[in-house]
Amino acid sequence: MRSRAPLCFPCALLGGCATSPSIGVLGAFFPDWLFCIVGAIFATTLVHTGLRTAGLLARPLGRFTLPLAYSALTIVLALTSWLIFFQN
């Protein structure tokens, strides 16, 4: 009796070919994560502006604190927006 294991692996890989993760804009297709990153950068800029306007960034923090915090905030916002808007 032959093993069917070699047939199972290629079949498992074909499950990801259902749809293309892209959005058509004026005839060109862009990946959906690109829109999420642009939106997250815009939202992070709004958060930074709000914190600066409120006076919460007046005291000095560590040298790497703000870049690390804003990078993490951008990643969280991008992944959250991708889950909310593009997961069917």
Protein backbone atom coordinates (compact mmCIF):
# COMPACT_ATOMS: atom_id res chain seq x y z
CA MET A 1 0.00 0.00 0.00
CA ARG A 2 1.38 3.39 -1.00
CA SER A 3 1.55 6.34 1.33
CA ARG A 4 -0.67 9.32 0.53
CA ALA A 5 1.43 11.76 2.52
CA PRO A 6 3.22 13.22 -0.55
CA LEU A 7 -0.18 14.24 -1.94
CA CYS A 8 -1.32 16.02 1.21
CA PHE A 9 1.43 18.66 1.27
CA PRO A 10 0.74 20.22 -2.18
CA CYS A 11 -3.00 20.21 -1.46
CA ALA A 12 -2.41 22.13 1.77
CA LEU A 13 -0.47 24.80 -0.12
CA LEU A 14 -3.29 25.35 -2.62
CA GLY A 15 -5.64 26.59 0.12
CA GLY A 16 -4.09 30.08 0.05
CA CYS A 17 -4.87 30.70 -3.62
CA ALA A 18 -8.52 31.69 -3.14
CA THR A 19 -8.31 35.45 -3.72
CA SER A 20 -5.68 38.07 -4.40
CA PRO A 21 -5.11 40.51 -1.51
CA SER A 22 -5.15 43.59 -3.72
CA ILE A 23 -7.41 46.55 -4.39
CA GLY A 24 -8.04 48.09 -7.78
CA VAL A 25 -7.50 51.86 -7.86
CA LEU A 26 -7.95 53.55 -11.26
CA GLY A 27 -7.01 50.38 -13.12
CA ALA A 28 -3.89 49.56 -11.08
CA PHE A 29 -3.88 46.95 -8.34
CA PHE A 30 -2.23 47.72 -5.01
CA PRO A 31 -1.76 45.35 -2.06
CA ASP A 32 -4.17 46.03 0.78
CA TRP A 33 -1.42 46.26 3.40
CA LEU A 34 -0.10 49.34 1.61
CA PHE A 35 -3.29 51.25 2.41
CA CYS A 36 -3.12 50.07 6.03
CA ILE A 37 0.44 51.35 6.45
CA VAL A 38 -0.37 54.74 4.91
CA GLY A 39 -3.43 55.06 7.17
CA ALA A 40 -1.43 54.02 10.24
CA ILE A 41 1.28 56.60 9.53
CA PHE A 42 -1.40 59.28 9.15
CA ALA A 43 -3.09 58.19 12.41
CA THR A 44 0.26 58.13 14.25
CA THR A 45 0.92 61.67 13.02
CA LEU A 46 -2.47 62.73 14.40
CA VAL A 47 -1.68 61.09 17.76
CA HIS A 48 1.69 62.87 17.89
CA THR A 49 0.07 66.21 17.06
CA GLY A 50 -2.57 65.66 19.73
CA LEU A 51 0.01 64.76 22.38
CA ARG A 52 2.16 67.77 21.52
CA THR A 53 -0.86 70.09 21.56
CA ALA A 54 -1.94 68.74 24.95
CA GLY A 55 1.55 69.41 26.32
CA LEU A 56 2.30 65.81 27.19
CA LEU A 57 5.59 65.79 25.26
CA ALA A 58 7.11 68.79 27.03
CA ARG A 59 9.37 66.83 29.38
CA PRO A 60 12.32 65.00 27.86
CA LEU A 61 12.11 61.25 27.61
CA GLY A 62 14.81 58.79 26.70
CA ARG A 63 16.70 59.06 23.41
CA PHE A 64 15.02 56.02 21.87
CA THR A 65 11.66 56.21 23.62
CA LEU A 66 9.64 58.25 21.11
CA PRO A 67 10.87 56.56 17.91
CA LEU A 68 10.30 53.14 19.43
CA ALA A 69 6.87 54.10 20.75
CA TYR A 70 5.75 55.64 17.45
CA SER A 71 7.05 52.66 15.47
CA ALA A 72 5.14 50.28 17.73
CA LEU A 73 2.01 52.45 17.50
CA THR A 74 2.24 52.49 13.70
CA ILE A 75 2.57 48.70 13.56
CA VAL A 76 -0.36 48.17 15.93
CA LEU A 77 -2.57 50.58 13.99
CA ALA A 78 -1.62 49.04 10.62
CA LEU A 79 -2.31 45.48 11.76
CA THR A 80 -5.55 46.46 13.48
CA SER A 81 -6.85 48.31 10.44
CA TRP A 82 -5.91 45.36 8.22
CA LEU A 83 -7.86 42.98 10.47
CA ILE A 84 -10.87 45.29 10.62
CA PHE A 85 -11.13 46.31 6.96
CA PHE A 86 -9.60 43.55 4.86
CA GLN A 87 -10.30 40.22 6.56
CA ASN A 88 -13.37 38.74 4.89
